Each structure stands twice: as structure tokens, then as C-alpha cells.
Amino acid sequence: MKFKKPLTVILLILLMFFQSISGIFGGIGLIIDPSGETLQIPIEWLADSPFNNYLIPGIILFSFLGVIPFFVLFGLWRKRFWAWQGSLFIGVILIIWIIVEIIIIGYQHNPPLQFIYGLIGLLIITFTLIPNVKVYFKPPD
């Protein structure tokens, strides 16, 4: 079976799908229950943060790491030239999110979500910068 999309593009699409779904559902979970209890996130993690609860982080997560990646996912699937830049943007935003989260609440290793999502951010950036991915999404002349 031969795919029209290079394997690297398919893997990038899968990474973006995972990020989109987890951002949407994680954000909704924090918006619906800003205490974090539903997602088993201790409210104590916010003690030294500017937030009283997880509502604002949930809105940011839902928007920037859920909805926007969903649109980028659509663009990647449909081979839209803007999706390449969008993919790079999402990878960078995800890394920034993890760094800021670690600065605010510290590194939480149980579960190792910061490590996992940091790795996903790096993989999104890496796959986006692979030459055949750049060529695949090259804008029309």
C-alpha cells in the first residue's frame, strides 16, 4: 500500500492529532472543574502561582493547545501551505507552555506529563523541520 503523504508527514499529523485531542479534553476538564479534582490535579500546585484555580490555565490549554492545533491538523491533512508554519508554532507554544508550567508549579513527575508533552513539542518541531516535510508543504509558486 502506497501513501500519498510521506511517512514523516503522517507522523506529524498523528502528533498534532494527539496534541489537539489532549488539549481540547484537558482544557474542557479544567474549565468544567477548575479545582482540578476531576483530572486529579492537586490545587496545591497553584499555591505559588498567579492563579486561584485552573480555569484560566484550562482556557489557555483549550484554546492554544487544543483548538488551534485542531485547525493546524486540518491544514496538515489537506496539505495547506500555512500548516507547516502552524505546526512549528504549535511545537514552540507547547515547549513554552511546559517551561512556564515547570517555572510556576515545579517539575511534577507523577505522572510524567511535563516530560511527555515536552517530548511531543520537540517531536512536532523536529518533524516540522525535516526537509521532505518542508518540501511537501512548500507554498505554490
Protein backbone atom coordinates (compact mmCIF):
# COMPACT_ATOMS: atom_id res chain seq x y z
CA MET A 1 0.00 0.00 0.00
CA LYS A 2 1.44 3.37 -1.03
CA PHE A 3 0.53 6.58 0.77
CA LYS A 4 0.45 9.92 -0.98
CA LYS A 5 1.81 11.57 2.14
CA PRO A 6 5.39 10.91 3.27
CA LEU A 7 5.73 8.89 6.48
CA THR A 8 7.19 11.94 8.24
CA VAL A 9 4.07 13.97 7.37
CA ILE A 10 1.83 11.16 8.62
CA LEU A 11 3.75 11.06 11.91
CA LEU A 12 3.47 14.84 12.22
CA ILE A 13 -0.29 14.57 11.64
CA LEU A 14 -0.54 11.90 14.36
CA LEU A 15 1.41 14.05 16.82
CA MET A 16 -0.82 17.04 16.04
CA PHE A 17 -3.94 14.88 16.42
CA PHE A 18 -2.77 13.69 19.85
CA GLN A 19 -1.93 17.24 20.94
CA SER A 20 -5.22 18.61 19.68
CA ILE A 21 -7.35 15.97 21.38
CA SER A 22 -5.46 16.12 24.67
CA GLY A 23 -5.52 19.95 24.68
CA ILE A 24 -9.25 20.06 23.97
CA PHE A 25 -10.22 17.44 26.54
CA GLY A 26 -7.70 18.63 29.15
CA GLY A 27 -8.86 22.21 28.72
CA ILE A 28 -12.53 21.26 28.94
CA GLY A 29 -11.79 19.24 32.07
CA LEU A 30 -10.14 22.22 33.75
CA ILE A 31 -12.85 24.64 32.61
CA ILE A 32 -15.68 22.42 33.87
CA ASP A 33 -13.90 21.67 37.15
CA PRO A 34 -11.39 24.46 37.92
CA SER A 35 -10.44 22.72 41.17
CA GLY A 36 -8.59 20.12 39.10
CA GLU A 37 -10.14 17.24 41.05
CA THR A 38 -11.77 15.62 38.00
CA LEU A 39 -8.38 15.36 36.28
CA GLN A 40 -6.68 14.50 39.60
CA ILE A 41 -4.52 17.63 39.53
CA PRO A 42 -3.87 18.94 43.05
CA ILE A 43 -4.94 22.55 43.60
CA GLU A 44 -1.88 22.87 45.88
CA TRP A 45 0.31 23.02 42.76
CA LEU A 46 -1.07 26.52 42.20
CA ALA A 47 -0.07 27.80 45.66
CA ASP A 48 2.83 29.94 44.37
CA SER A 49 1.19 30.78 41.05
CA PRO A 50 -0.87 33.78 39.95
CA PHE A 51 -3.95 31.51 39.69
CA ASN A 52 -6.52 30.62 42.36
CA ASN A 53 -7.78 27.68 40.32
CA TYR A 54 -7.30 26.00 36.93
CA LEU A 55 -9.92 27.99 34.98
CA ILE A 56 -7.50 30.37 33.19
CA PRO A 57 -4.91 27.63 32.52
CA GLY A 58 -7.80 25.49 31.21
CA ILE A 59 -8.94 28.21 28.82
CA ILE A 60 -5.38 28.70 27.57
CA LEU A 61 -4.87 24.94 27.21
CA PHE A 62 -8.17 24.51 25.37
CA SER A 63 -7.52 27.43 23.01
CA PHE A 64 -3.81 27.41 22.23
CA LEU A 65 -3.01 23.72 22.66
CA GLY A 66 -6.36 22.23 21.66
CA VAL A 67 -8.40 24.28 19.19
CA ILE A 68 -5.53 25.89 17.28
CA PRO A 69 -3.73 22.53 16.86
CA PHE A 70 -7.03 21.12 15.57
CA PHE A 71 -7.07 23.72 12.79
CA VAL A 72 -3.39 23.06 12.07
CA LEU A 73 -4.22 19.34 11.96
CA PHE A 74 -6.87 20.05 9.34
CA GLY A 75 -4.34 22.08 7.34
CA LEU A 76 -1.72 19.33 7.59
CA TRP A 77 -4.23 16.75 6.40
CA ARG A 78 -5.39 18.94 3.49
CA LYS A 79 -1.79 19.92 2.55
CA ARG A 80 -2.29 23.63 3.14
CA PHE A 81 0.98 25.55 2.89
CA TRP A 82 0.21 27.56 6.06
CA ALA A 83 0.01 24.35 8.11
CA TRP A 84 3.80 24.00 8.08
CA GLN A 85 4.18 27.32 9.90
CA GLY A 86 1.25 26.47 12.15
CA SER A 87 2.87 23.20 13.09
CA LEU A 88 6.13 24.91 14.01
CA PHE A 89 4.12 27.46 16.03
CA ILE A 90 2.31 24.71 17.97
CA GLY A 91 5.58 22.91 18.76
CA VAL A 92 7.12 26.13 20.09
CA ILE A 93 3.98 27.06 22.07
CA LEU A 94 3.89 23.59 23.64
CA ILE A 95 7.54 23.87 24.73
CA ILE A 96 6.91 27.36 26.15
CA TRP A 97 3.80 26.05 27.97
CA ILE A 98 5.83 23.26 29.61
CA ILE A 99 8.71 25.58 30.58
CA VAL A 100 6.33 28.13 32.13
CA GLU A 101 4.44 25.34 33.89
CA ILE A 102 7.67 24.00 35.39
CA ILE A 103 8.67 27.52 36.48
CA ILE A 104 5.27 28.10 38.13
CA ILE A 105 4.48 24.73 39.73
CA GLY A 106 7.81 22.91 39.55
CA TYR A 107 8.57 19.66 37.78
CA GLN A 108 5.88 17.08 38.50
CA HIS A 109 7.00 13.55 37.69
CA ASN A 110 3.98 11.55 38.81
CA PRO A 111 2.52 11.24 36.23
CA PRO A 112 5.35 12.46 33.96
CA LEU A 113 3.08 14.61 31.77
CA GLN A 114 5.51 17.54 31.56
CA PHE A 115 8.20 15.23 30.21
CA ILE A 116 5.79 13.56 27.77
CA TYR A 117 4.36 16.83 26.42
CA GLY A 118 7.79 18.44 26.30
CA LEU A 119 8.90 15.48 24.18
CA ILE A 120 5.82 15.83 21.97
CA GLY A 121 6.64 19.52 21.47
CA LEU A 122 10.21 18.64 20.47
CA LEU A 123 8.97 15.92 18.12
CA ILE A 124 6.49 18.30 16.48
CA ILE A 125 9.29 20.82 15.90
CA THR A 126 11.68 18.11 14.68
CA PHE A 127 9.21 16.56 12.22
CA THR A 128 8.17 20.01 11.00
CA LEU A 129 11.78 20.86 10.18
CA ILE A 130 12.56 17.61 8.32
CA PRO A 131 13.40 18.60 4.72
CA ASN A 132 10.80 16.40 2.99
CA VAL A 133 8.09 17.83 5.26
CA LYS A 134 9.15 21.37 4.35
CA VAL A 135 9.09 20.44 0.65
CA TYR A 136 5.69 18.74 0.98
CA PHE A 137 4.14 21.93 2.39
CA LYS A 138 6.00 24.32 0.10
CA PRO A 139 3.68 27.14 -0.98
CA PRO A 140 2.64 27.26 -4.61
CA ASP A 141 4.76 29.45 -6.87
